[in-house]
PDB file of N, CA and C in Angstrom:
ATOM      1  N   UNK A   1     105.876 166.970  93.115  1.00  0.00           N
ATOM      2  CA  UNK A   1     105.407 166.724  94.522  1.00  0.00           C
ATOM      3  C   UNK A   1     104.750 165.339  94.644  1.00  0.00           C
ATOM      4  N   UNK A   2     103.865 165.003  93.734  1.00  0.00           N
ATOM      5  CA  UNK A   2     103.204 163.640  93.821  1.00  0.00           C
ATOM      6  C   UNK A   2     104.214 162.431  93.784  1.00  0.00           C
ATOM      7  N   UNK A   3     105.339 162.671  92.871  1.00  0.00           N
ATOM      8  CA  UNK A   3     106.299 161.608  92.788  1.00  0.00           C
ATOM      9  C   UNK A   3     107.076 161.458  94.136  1.00  0.00           C
ATOM     10  N   UNK A   4     107.329 162.628  94.728  1.00  0.00           N
ATOM     11  CA  UNK A   4     108.024 162.598  96.008  1.00  0.00           C
ATOM     12  C   UNK A   4     107.238 161.907  97.073  1.00  0.00           C
ATOM     13  N   UNK A   5     105.955 162.136  97.072  1.00  0.00           N
ATOM     14  CA  UNK A   5     105.113 161.491  98.118  1.00  0.00           C
ATOM     15  C   UNK A   5     105.077 160.011  97.896  1.00  0.00           C
ATOM     16  N   UNK A   6     104.809 159.623  96.659  1.00  0.00           N
ATOM     17  CA  UNK A   6     104.770 158.191  96.308  1.00  0.00           C
ATOM     18  C   UNK A   6     106.070 157.483  96.673  1.00  0.00           C
ATOM     19  N   UNK A   7     107.177 158.058  96.291  1.00  0.00           N
ATOM     20  CA  UNK A   7     108.404 157.494  96.569  1.00  0.00           C
ATOM     21  C   UNK A   7     108.661 157.369  98.105  1.00  0.00           C
ATOM     22  N   UNK A   8     108.260 158.400  98.748  1.00  0.00           N
ATOM     23  CA  UNK A   8     108.373 158.431 100.287  1.00  0.00           C
ATOM     24  C   UNK A   8     107.605 157.371 100.825  1.00  0.00           C
ATOM     25  N   UNK A   9     106.434 157.143 100.289  1.00  0.00           N
ATOM     26  CA  UNK A   9     105.504 156.098 100.799  1.00  0.00           C
ATOM     27  C   UNK A   9     106.134 154.692 100.603  1.00  0.00           C
ATOM     28  N   UNK A  10     106.756 154.541  99.472  1.00  0.00           N
ATOM     29  CA  UNK A  10     107.414 153.205  99.111  1.00  0.00           C
ATOM     30  C   UNK A  10     108.554 152.941 100.060  1.00  0.00           C
ATOM     31  N   UNK A  11     109.392 153.979 100.236  1.00  0.00           N
ATOM     32  CA  UNK A  11     110.508 153.767 101.042  1.00  0.00           C
ATOM     33  C   UNK A  11     110.217 153.686 102.576  1.00  0.00           C
ATOM     34  N   UNK A  12     109.198 154.464 102.987  1.00  0.00           N
ATOM     35  CA  UNK A  12     108.715 154.336 104.378  1.00  0.00           C
ATOM     36  C   UNK A  12     108.010 152.979 104.599  1.00  0.00           C
ATOM     37  N   UNK A  13     107.289 152.385 103.630  1.00  0.00           N
ATOM     38  CA  UNK A  13     106.729 151.015 103.795  1.00  0.00           C
ATOM     39  C   UNK A  13     107.887 150.048 103.940  1.00  0.00           C
ATOM     40  N   UNK A  14     108.804 150.201 103.114  1.00  0.00           N
ATOM     41  CA  UNK A  14     110.000 149.261 103.310  1.00  0.00           C
ATOM     42  C   UNK A  14     110.762 149.453 104.610  1.00  0.00           C
ATOM     43  N   UNK A  15     110.829 150.634 105.027  1.00  0.00           N
ATOM     44  CA  UNK A  15     111.479 150.869 106.337  1.00  0.00           C
ATOM     45  C   UNK A  15     110.561 150.300 107.443  1.00  0.00           C
ATOM     46  N   UNK A  16     109.287 150.385 107.346  1.00  0.00           N
ATOM     47  CA  UNK A  16     108.372 149.852 108.343  1.00  0.00           C
ATOM     48  C   UNK A  16     108.495 148.326 108.344  1.00  0.00           C
ATOM     49  N   UNK A  17     108.544 147.712 107.142  1.00  0.00           N
ATOM     50  CA  UNK A  17     108.689 146.279 107.172  1.00  0.00           C
ATOM     51  C   UNK A  17     110.069 145.815 107.615  1.00  0.00           C
ATOM     52  N   UNK A  18     111.082 146.681 107.391  1.00  0.00           N
ATOM     53  CA  UNK A  18     112.429 146.242 107.830  1.00  0.00           C
ATOM     54  C   UNK A  18     112.400 146.315 109.331  1.00  0.00           C
ATOM     55  N   UNK A  19     111.761 147.365 109.923  1.00  0.00           N
ATOM     56  CA  UNK A  19     111.735 147.426 111.395  1.00  0.00           C
ATOM     57  C   UNK A  19     110.958 146.233 111.982  1.00  0.00           C
ATOM     58  N   UNK A  20     109.983 145.807 111.325  1.00  0.00           N
ATOM     59  CA  UNK A  20     109.153 144.544 111.794  1.00  0.00           C
ATOM     60  C   UNK A  20     110.162 143.337 111.786  1.00  0.00           C
ATOM     61  N   UNK A  21     110.876 143.199 110.664  1.00  0.00           N
ATOM     62  CA  UNK A  21     111.788 142.053 110.658  1.00  0.00           C
ATOM     63  C   UNK A  21     112.939 142.152 111.625  1.00  0.00           C
ATOM     64  N   UNK A  22     113.571 143.292 111.749  1.00  0.00           N
ATOM     65  CA  UNK A  22     114.743 143.416 112.508  1.00  0.00           C
ATOM     66  C   UNK A  22     114.482 143.575 114.021  1.00  0.00           C
ATOM     67  N   UNK A  23     113.527 144.365 114.400  1.00  0.00           N
ATOM     68  CA  UNK A  23     113.190 144.751 115.785  1.00  0.00           C
ATOM     69  C   UNK A  23     111.997 143.890 116.239  1.00  0.00           C
ATOM     70  N   UNK A  24     110.962 144.168 115.543  1.00  0.00           N
ATOM     71  CA  UNK A  24     109.585 143.419 115.855  1.00  0.00           C
ATOM     72  C   UNK A  24     109.161 143.494 117.289  1.00  0.00           C
ATOM     73  N   UNK A  25     108.371 142.481 117.551  1.00  0.00           N
ATOM     74  CA  UNK A  25     107.809 142.372 118.895  1.00  0.00           C
ATOM     75  C   UNK A  25     107.656 140.877 119.117  1.00  0.00           C
ATOM     76  N   UNK A  26     108.494 140.341 120.055  1.00  0.00           N
ATOM     77  CA  UNK A  26     108.445 138.885 120.354  1.00  0.00           C
ATOM     78  C   UNK A  26     107.225 138.365 121.103  1.00  0.00           C
ATOM     79  N   UNK A  27     106.613 139.332 121.933  1.00  0.00           N
ATOM     80  CA  UNK A  27     105.602 138.700 122.685  1.00  0.00           C
ATOM     81  C   UNK A  27     104.292 138.823 122.005  1.00  0.00           C
ATOM     82  N   UNK A  28     104.212 139.748 120.888  1.00  0.00           N
ATOM     83  CA  UNK A  28     102.863 139.918 120.119  1.00  0.00           C
ATOM     84  C   UNK A  28     102.036 140.877 120.767  1.00  0.00           C
ATOM     85  N   UNK A  29     102.508 141.626 121.696  1.00  0.00           N
ATOM     86  CA  UNK A  29     101.676 142.641 122.484  1.00  0.00           C
ATOM     87  C   UNK A  29     101.752 143.998 121.891  1.00  0.00           C
ATOM     88  N   UNK A  30     102.681 144.263 120.988  1.00  0.00           N
ATOM     89  CA  UNK A  30     102.895 145.536 120.470  1.00  0.00           C
ATOM     90  C   UNK A  30     102.010 145.565 119.273  1.00  0.00           C
ATOM     91  N   UNK A  31     101.130 146.556 119.172  1.00  0.00           N
ATOM     92  CA  UNK A  31     100.184 146.582 118.134  1.00  0.00           C
ATOM     93  C   UNK A  31     100.646 147.025 116.780  1.00  0.00           C
ATOM     94  N   UNK A  32     101.631 147.693 116.717  1.00  0.00           N
ATOM     95  CA  UNK A  32     102.229 148.158 115.434  1.00  0.00           C
ATOM     96  C   UNK A  32     103.255 147.211 114.921  1.00  0.00           C
ATOM     97  N   UNK A  33     104.275 146.914 115.753  1.00  0.00           N
ATOM     98  CA  UNK A  33     105.480 146.118 115.281  1.00  0.00           C
ATOM     99  C   UNK A  33     105.080 144.617 115.260  1.00  0.00           C
ATOM    100  N   UNK A  34     104.090 144.190 115.866  1.00  0.00           N
ATOM    101  CA  UNK A  34     103.915 142.667 115.879  1.00  0.00           C
ATOM    102  C   UNK A  34     103.320 142.144 114.569  1.00  0.00           C
ATOM    103  N   UNK A  35     102.731 143.096 113.807  1.00  0.00           N
ATOM    104  CA  UNK A  35     102.117 142.668 112.491  1.00  0.00           C
ATOM    105  C   UNK A  35     102.771 143.362 111.347  1.00  0.00           C
ATOM    106  N   UNK A  36     103.255 142.680 110.343  1.00  0.00           N
ATOM    107  CA  UNK A  36     104.086 143.261 109.256  1.00  0.00           C
ATOM    108  C   UNK A  36     103.231 144.105 108.430  1.00  0.00           C
ATOM    109  N   UNK A  37     101.878 143.999 108.381  1.00  0.00           N
ATOM    110  CA  UNK A  37     101.052 144.860 107.623  1.00  0.00           C
ATOM    111  C   UNK A  37     100.864 146.181 108.219  1.00  0.00           C
ATOM    112  N   UNK A  38     100.759 146.172 109.570  1.00  0.00           N
ATOM    113  CA  UNK A  38     100.594 147.448 110.236  1.00  0.00           C
ATOM    114  C   UNK A  38     101.857 148.198 110.255  1.00  0.00           C
ATOM    115  N   UNK A  39     103.023 147.531 110.410  1.00  0.00           N
ATOM    116  CA  UNK A  39     104.260 148.263 110.481  1.00  0.00           C
ATOM    117  C   UNK A  39     104.610 148.871 109.169  1.00  0.00           C
ATOM    118  N   UNK A  40     104.208 148.161 108.057  1.00  0.00           N
ATOM    119  CA  UNK A  40     104.487 148.586 106.735  1.00  0.00           C
ATOM    120  C   UNK A  40     103.551 149.944 106.385  1.00  0.00           C
ATOM    121  N   UNK A  41     102.345 149.776 106.702  1.00  0.00           N
ATOM    122  CA  UNK A  41     101.365 150.860 106.645  1.00  0.00           C
ATOM    123  C   UNK A  41     101.776 152.089 107.466  1.00  0.00           C
ATOM    124  N   UNK A  42     102.105 151.865 108.761  1.00  0.00           N
ATOM    125  CA  UNK A  42     102.565 152.849 109.565  1.00  0.00           C
ATOM    126  C   UNK A  42     103.843 153.617 108.974  1.00  0.00           C
ATOM    127  N   UNK A  43     104.801 152.766 108.550  1.00  0.00           N
ATOM    128  CA  UNK A  43     106.006 153.469 108.017  1.00  0.00           C
ATOM    129  C   UNK A  43     105.657 154.259 106.727  1.00  0.00           C
ATOM    130  N   UNK A  44     104.876 153.774 105.921  1.00  0.00           N
ATOM    131  CA  UNK A  44     104.468 154.460 104.676  1.00  0.00           C
ATOM    132  C   UNK A  44     103.730 155.859 105.008  1.00  0.00           C
ATOM    133  N   UNK A  45     102.790 155.711 105.999  1.00  0.00           N
ATOM    134  CA  UNK A  45     101.981 156.812 106.356  1.00  0.00           C
ATOM    135  C   UNK A  45     102.933 157.999 106.973  1.00  0.00           C
ATOM    136  N   UNK A  46     103.757 157.550 107.818  1.00  0.00           N
ATOM    137  CA  UNK A  46     104.627 158.638 108.450  1.00  0.00           C
ATOM    138  C   UNK A  46     105.476 159.237 107.423  1.00  0.00           C
ATOM    139  N   UNK A  47     106.005 158.417 106.449  1.00  0.00           N
ATOM    140  CA  UNK A  47     106.946 159.040 105.440  1.00  0.00           C
ATOM    141  C   UNK A  47     106.055 159.993 104.533  1.00  0.00           C
ATOM    142  N   UNK A  48     104.872 159.597 104.173  1.00  0.00           N
ATOM    143  CA  UNK A  48     104.155 160.499 103.252  1.00  0.00           C
ATOM    144  C   UNK A  48     103.758 161.812 104.042  1.00  0.00           C
ATOM    145  N   UNK A  49     103.471 161.748 105.298  1.00  0.00           N
ATOM    146  CA  UNK A  49     103.156 162.937 106.133  1.00  0.00           C
ATOM    147  C   UNK A  49     104.426 163.716 106.148  1.00  0.00           C
ATOM    148  N   UNK A  50     105.508 163.118 106.400  1.00  0.00           N
ATOM    149  CA  UNK A  50     106.812 164.009 106.470  1.00  0.00           C
ATOM    150  C   UNK A  50     107.029 164.622 105.095  1.00  0.00           C
ATOM    151  N   UNK A  51     106.843 163.919 103.881  1.00  0.00           N
ATOM    152  CA  UNK A  51     107.022 164.391 102.656  1.00  0.00           C
ATOM    153  C   UNK A  51     106.138 165.460 102.314  1.00  0.00           C
ATOM    154  N   UNK A  52     104.866 165.418 102.755  1.00  0.00           N
ATOM    155  CA  UNK A  52     103.920 166.433 102.426  1.00  0.00           C
ATOM    156  C   UNK A  52     104.228 167.750 103.184  1.00  0.00           C
ATOM    157  N   UNK A  53     104.952 167.672 104.289  1.00  0.00           N
ATOM    158  CA  UNK A  53     105.240 168.858 105.047  1.00  0.00           C
ATOM    159  C   UNK A  53     106.385 169.596 104.494  1.00  0.00           C
ATOM    160  N   UNK A  54     107.085 169.087 103.654  1.00  0.00           N
ATOM    161  CA  UNK A  54     108.300 169.810 102.940  1.00  0.00           C
ATOM    162  C   UNK A  54     107.865 170.701 101.964  1.00  0.00           C
TER     163      UNK A  54
END
């Protein structure tokens, strides 16, 4: 279970960073996607929450 949560966090973080790079926020007004650190942490957190629910 711990391995699944760690791997989910890693892949979620990569997905969050990818979302920042591909979609992002041009104006800088989006609090999550404008900053690569926030989008990476947000992606990792959502992935871990989803993995914990299984």
